[in-house]
Amino acid sequence: MDGKPAPAADGVPAQQQAQSAGPYRPGYELVAEQILQLIAELGLRPGDRMPTENELASRLSTSRTVVREAVKILSAIGRVRAQKGRGLYVADDEGMLGSSRWGSFFLPTDLDHVYTLFEFRRVQETAASRLAATRATPAELRAIEAAADTCREGHLTGQRELFDRGDDDFHISIAAASHNPFLVASVREARRLQHQSNIIGLHGGIGGHAEEAVAEHAAIHQAIRTGDAEAAAHAATVHLDKTLEDYRREIQRRVFG
């Protein structure tokens, strides 16, 4: 006996499952989160080689099959790179907000990290909306409106992917209308990190904020279209604060019970 807890049927230690009193989460999702924590604990940087799948399975007291599924998730969201015949590496294309520049790894289900991310988004998108209200061209206004319409259609038809695409396009279009390339880059990167919380912690969807988000988008667009910079900034702040509250509620419900 090596003293390690015995894996449950899905490859996750029974003790670990017992400690998680919240709703059921797939074993590979829990292990994906643990791998991110392990990377941070080991102080690995972008481009560094990671432990092998077998080593990860041993460290995390789970099966190699579960590790492999977790690695697939982390590869899909750009946190891990698997090189055939060479092993696993910390992804080195994390961009402006990645570990090498941000100073620490973003843990998608860590509420403190989510709060910090939204605090940053609040600053950048409030500024972007204020600038867009004074700088947006007719073509940029049409792009913002089209993105808002796509988001609304996705909500009304129940097409989550369409809603998400419209949501991304809406926020990035506003950043583009600010005519500040640094804001465009930062908005894009912050949304990429937020998407990681959505995938790992929220199973690809958030709670009941979609209907409100559509109305909030309309308020932001209207303020930008009429050139009211302060109203645009205020509407963006309201939207982000409500979105953060939805993320907080959903992460606590799904992860902590």
Protein backbone atom coordinates (compact mmCIF):
# COMPACT_ATOMS: atom_id res chain seq x y z
CA MET A 1 0.00 0.00 0.00
CA ASP A 2 1.33 3.43 -0.91
CA GLY A 3 -1.15 5.37 1.22
CA LYS A 4 -2.84 7.08 -1.76
CA PRO A 5 -6.64 7.36 -1.79
CA ALA A 6 -8.27 4.84 -4.09
CA PRO A 7 -9.68 6.31 -7.31
CA ALA A 8 -13.45 6.22 -7.73
CA ALA A 9 -15.11 4.78 -10.81
CA ASP A 10 -14.53 7.91 -12.86
CA GLY A 11 -10.87 8.15 -11.87
CA VAL A 12 -11.28 10.81 -9.18
CA PRO A 13 -10.29 9.90 -5.59
CA ALA A 14 -13.28 9.14 -3.39
CA GLN A 15 -11.85 11.41 -0.68
CA GLN A 16 -11.68 14.28 -3.15
CA GLN A 17 -15.26 13.70 -4.23
CA ALA A 18 -16.38 13.61 -0.61
CA GLN A 19 -14.70 16.96 0.01
CA SER A 20 -16.62 18.45 -2.91
CA ALA A 21 -20.11 18.71 -1.48
CA GLY A 22 -21.41 20.62 -4.48
CA PRO A 23 -23.11 19.33 -7.61
CA TYR A 24 -21.45 16.59 -9.63
CA ARG A 25 -18.56 17.64 -11.86
CA PRO A 26 -16.88 15.29 -14.37
CA GLY A 27 -13.60 13.85 -13.15
CA TYR A 28 -11.65 15.24 -16.10
CA GLU A 29 -12.86 18.75 -15.28
CA LEU A 30 -11.68 18.51 -11.69
CA VAL A 31 -8.33 17.13 -12.86
CA ALA A 32 -7.96 19.93 -15.44
CA GLU A 33 -8.30 22.43 -12.62
CA GLN A 34 -5.80 20.50 -10.50
CA ILE A 35 -3.27 20.46 -13.36
CA LEU A 36 -3.46 24.25 -13.60
CA GLN A 37 -2.88 24.47 -9.85
CA LEU A 38 0.07 22.07 -10.11
CA ILE A 39 1.66 24.13 -12.89
CA ALA A 40 1.45 27.19 -10.64
CA GLU A 41 2.82 25.31 -7.61
CA LEU A 42 5.78 23.99 -9.63
CA GLY A 43 6.52 27.50 -10.93
CA LEU A 44 6.45 26.35 -14.55
CA ARG A 45 6.57 29.06 -17.20
CA PRO A 46 5.34 29.16 -20.80
CA GLY A 47 7.39 26.71 -22.85
CA ASP A 48 8.44 24.61 -19.84
CA ARG A 49 8.03 20.85 -20.02
CA MET A 50 5.37 19.40 -17.76
CA PRO A 51 5.18 16.05 -15.96
CA THR A 52 4.11 13.17 -18.22
CA GLU A 53 0.55 11.87 -18.27
CA ASN A 54 1.65 8.94 -16.09
CA GLU A 55 3.35 11.29 -13.63
CA LEU A 56 0.30 13.53 -13.49
CA ALA A 57 -1.95 10.52 -12.90
CA SER A 58 0.28 9.42 -10.03
CA ARG A 59 0.56 12.90 -8.48
CA LEU A 60 -3.20 13.50 -8.69
CA SER A 61 -4.19 9.95 -7.71
CA THR A 62 -6.28 9.44 -10.79
CA SER A 63 -6.16 7.44 -14.02
CA ARG A 64 -4.20 8.23 -17.14
CA THR A 65 -7.47 8.21 -19.10
CA VAL A 66 -8.89 11.02 -16.96
CA VAL A 67 -5.61 12.95 -17.25
CA ARG A 68 -5.72 12.58 -21.03
CA GLU A 69 -9.26 14.04 -21.17
CA ALA A 70 -8.21 16.89 -18.88
CA VAL A 71 -5.23 17.64 -21.12
CA LYS A 72 -7.57 17.82 -24.12
CA ILE A 73 -9.58 20.55 -22.37
CA LEU A 74 -6.47 22.48 -21.38
CA SER A 75 -5.09 22.20 -24.92
CA ALA A 76 -8.38 23.46 -26.37
CA ILE A 77 -8.32 26.59 -24.21
CA GLY A 78 -4.63 27.25 -24.88
CA ARG A 79 -3.10 26.43 -21.50
CA VAL A 80 -1.21 23.22 -22.38
CA ARG A 81 0.52 22.10 -25.58
CA ALA A 82 0.93 18.39 -26.33
CA GLN A 83 3.79 17.53 -28.69
CA LYS A 84 3.63 14.04 -30.15
CA GLY A 85 6.59 11.99 -29.03
CA ARG A 86 7.95 14.80 -26.83
CA GLY A 87 5.39 15.23 -24.05
CA LEU A 88 3.39 18.04 -22.50
CA TYR A 89 4.41 21.68 -22.29
CA VAL A 90 2.97 24.82 -20.77
CA ALA A 91 1.55 26.76 -23.70
CA ASP A 92 3.73 29.68 -24.73
CA ASP A 93 1.10 31.66 -26.68
CA GLU A 94 -0.94 32.99 -23.78
CA GLY A 95 -0.75 36.54 -25.03
CA MET A 96 -0.69 39.81 -23.16
CA LEU A 97 -2.48 38.49 -20.08
CA GLY A 98 -0.71 35.14 -19.92
CA SER A 99 1.41 33.90 -17.06
CA SER A 100 4.65 35.42 -18.30
CA ARG A 101 3.21 38.94 -18.20
CA TRP A 102 0.38 38.71 -15.68
CA GLY A 103 2.66 37.28 -13.00
CA SER A 104 0.58 34.22 -12.04
CA PHE A 105 -1.60 31.60 -13.63
CA PHE A 106 -5.27 32.32 -14.06
CA LEU A 107 -7.29 29.60 -12.30
CA PRO A 108 -10.71 29.53 -14.00
CA THR A 109 -12.70 28.51 -10.91
CA ASP A 110 -10.82 30.67 -8.41
CA LEU A 111 -13.31 33.37 -7.47
CA ASP A 112 -10.55 35.83 -6.51
CA HIS A 113 -9.07 35.46 -10.00
CA VAL A 114 -12.49 35.91 -11.60
CA TYR A 115 -13.12 39.05 -9.54
CA THR A 116 -9.73 40.47 -10.53
CA LEU A 117 -10.37 39.71 -14.18
CA PHE A 118 -13.74 41.46 -14.12
CA GLU A 119 -12.23 44.42 -12.27
CA PHE A 120 -9.78 44.72 -15.15
CA ARG A 121 -12.56 44.30 -17.73
CA ARG A 122 -14.56 47.02 -15.99
CA VAL A 123 -11.70 49.50 -16.41
CA GLN A 124 -10.89 48.63 -20.02
CA GLU A 125 -14.44 48.31 -21.37
CA THR A 126 -15.71 51.41 -19.61
CA ALA A 127 -12.89 53.33 -21.29
CA ALA A 128 -13.53 51.64 -24.64
CA SER A 129 -17.25 52.48 -24.55
CA ARG A 130 -16.56 56.09 -23.59
CA LEU A 131 -14.09 56.50 -26.46
CA ALA A 132 -16.31 54.65 -28.95
CA ALA A 133 -19.10 57.14 -28.27
CA THR A 134 -16.89 59.94 -29.62
CA ARG A 135 -14.88 58.07 -32.26
CA ALA A 136 -17.06 55.37 -33.83
CA THR A 137 -17.49 55.59 -37.60
CA PRO A 138 -20.81 54.69 -39.29
CA ALA A 139 -19.33 51.32 -40.30
CA GLU A 140 -18.22 50.62 -36.74
CA LEU A 141 -21.65 51.54 -35.41
CA ARG A 142 -23.19 49.05 -37.85
CA ALA A 143 -20.78 46.36 -36.66
CA ILE A 144 -21.73 46.97 -33.03
CA GLU A 145 -25.44 46.86 -33.91
CA ALA A 146 -25.03 43.67 -35.97
CA ALA A 147 -23.22 41.96 -33.10
CA ALA A 148 -25.96 42.98 -30.65
CA ASP A 149 -28.57 41.59 -33.08
CA THR A 150 -26.68 38.30 -33.36
CA CYS A 151 -26.57 38.03 -29.57
CA ARG A 152 -30.30 38.72 -29.35
CA GLU A 153 -31.08 36.13 -32.03
CA GLY A 154 -28.98 33.55 -30.20
CA HIS A 155 -30.93 34.19 -27.00
CA LEU A 156 -34.36 34.13 -28.63
CA THR A 157 -33.66 30.91 -30.56
CA GLY A 158 -31.81 29.18 -27.74
CA GLN A 159 -28.59 28.90 -29.76
CA ARG A 160 -25.88 29.30 -27.14
CA GLU A 161 -23.00 29.32 -29.64
CA LEU A 162 -24.68 32.09 -31.64
CA PHE A 163 -25.24 34.11 -28.46
CA ASP A 164 -21.60 33.69 -27.45
CA ARG A 165 -20.33 34.68 -30.89
CA GLY A 166 -22.48 37.80 -30.89
CA ASP A 167 -21.34 38.63 -27.36
CA ASP A 168 -17.67 38.35 -28.33
CA ASP A 169 -18.20 40.40 -31.49
CA PHE A 170 -20.13 43.07 -29.56
CA HIS A 171 -17.42 43.76 -27.01
CA ILE A 172 -14.57 43.53 -29.50
CA SER A 173 -16.41 45.81 -31.96
CA ILE A 174 -16.76 48.46 -29.26
CA ALA A 175 -13.05 48.18 -28.50
CA ALA A 176 -12.29 48.55 -32.21
CA ALA A 177 -14.48 51.67 -32.32
CA SER A 178 -12.34 53.21 -29.58
CA HIS A 179 -9.53 53.37 -32.19
CA ASN A 180 -7.09 52.24 -29.49
CA PRO A 181 -5.26 49.02 -30.46
CA PHE A 182 -4.17 48.40 -26.85
CA LEU A 183 -7.80 48.32 -25.75
CA VAL A 184 -8.64 45.93 -28.60
CA ALA A 185 -5.86 43.56 -27.54
CA SER A 186 -6.73 43.71 -23.85
CA VAL A 187 -10.47 43.20 -24.40
CA ARG A 188 -9.77 40.20 -26.61
CA GLU A 189 -7.35 38.64 -24.11
CA ALA A 190 -9.59 39.24 -21.09
CA ARG A 191 -12.48 37.57 -22.86
CA ARG A 192 -10.25 34.62 -23.68
CA LEU A 193 -9.52 34.13 -19.98
CA GLN A 194 -13.20 34.57 -19.13
CA HIS A 195 -14.00 31.85 -21.66
CA GLN A 196 -11.78 29.50 -19.65
CA SER A 197 -13.97 30.04 -16.59
CA ASN A 198 -16.97 29.33 -18.75
CA ILE A 199 -15.52 26.06 -20.08
CA ILE A 200 -14.00 24.60 -16.91
CA GLY A 201 -16.13 26.03 -14.13
CA LEU A 202 -19.48 26.61 -15.78
CA HIS A 203 -19.74 23.73 -18.28
CA GLY A 204 -20.09 26.03 -21.26
CA GLY A 205 -22.95 28.18 -20.05
CA ILE A 206 -23.89 30.82 -17.51
CA GLY A 207 -27.05 31.33 -15.57
CA GLY A 208 -30.08 33.48 -16.31
CA HIS A 209 -28.30 36.67 -17.37
CA ALA A 210 -28.70 36.22 -21.14
CA GLU A 211 -32.00 38.11 -21.39
CA GLU A 212 -30.66 40.98 -19.28
CA ALA A 213 -27.42 41.00 -21.28
CA VAL A 214 -29.38 41.59 -24.49
CA ALA A 215 -31.07 44.65 -22.96
CA GLU A 216 -27.77 45.88 -21.52
CA HIS A 217 -26.12 45.57 -24.94
CA ALA A 218 -28.93 47.66 -26.41
CA ALA A 219 -28.35 50.38 -23.80
CA ILE A 220 -24.62 50.48 -24.52
CA HIS A 221 -25.19 50.61 -28.28
CA GLN A 222 -27.77 53.37 -27.96
CA ALA A 223 -25.44 55.53 -25.87
CA ILE A 224 -22.55 55.03 -28.29
CA ARG A 225 -24.78 55.72 -31.29
CA THR A 226 -26.00 59.01 -29.83
CA GLY A 227 -22.47 60.05 -28.84
CA ASP A 228 -23.17 60.15 -25.10
CA ALA A 229 -19.80 59.10 -23.70
CA GLU A 230 -20.76 59.12 -20.02
CA ALA A 231 -23.97 57.18 -20.64
CA ALA A 232 -21.99 54.63 -22.65
CA ALA A 233 -19.44 54.23 -19.85
CA HIS A 234 -22.21 53.87 -17.26
CA ALA A 235 -24.08 51.28 -19.34
CA ALA A 236 -20.89 49.27 -19.80
CA THR A 237 -20.24 49.35 -16.04
CA VAL A 238 -23.75 48.13 -15.26
CA HIS A 239 -23.42 45.31 -17.80
CA LEU A 240 -20.07 44.07 -16.45
CA ASP A 241 -21.15 44.29 -12.82
CA LYS A 242 -24.24 42.19 -13.53
CA THR A 243 -22.24 39.69 -15.57
CA LEU A 244 -19.74 39.32 -12.73
CA GLU A 245 -22.54 38.70 -10.28
CA ASP A 246 -23.88 35.95 -12.54
CA TYR A 247 -20.44 34.33 -12.79
CA ARG A 248 -19.98 34.55 -9.02
CA ARG A 249 -23.33 32.92 -8.37
CA GLU A 250 -22.85 30.16 -10.92
CA ILE A 251 -19.28 29.30 -9.91
CA GLN A 252 -20.25 29.11 -6.26
CA ARG A 253 -23.27 26.94 -7.07
CA ARG A 254 -21.47 24.55 -9.39
CA VAL A 255 -18.09 24.32 -7.68
CA PHE A 256 -18.83 24.87 -4.01
CA GLY A 257 -22.45 23.78 -3.86
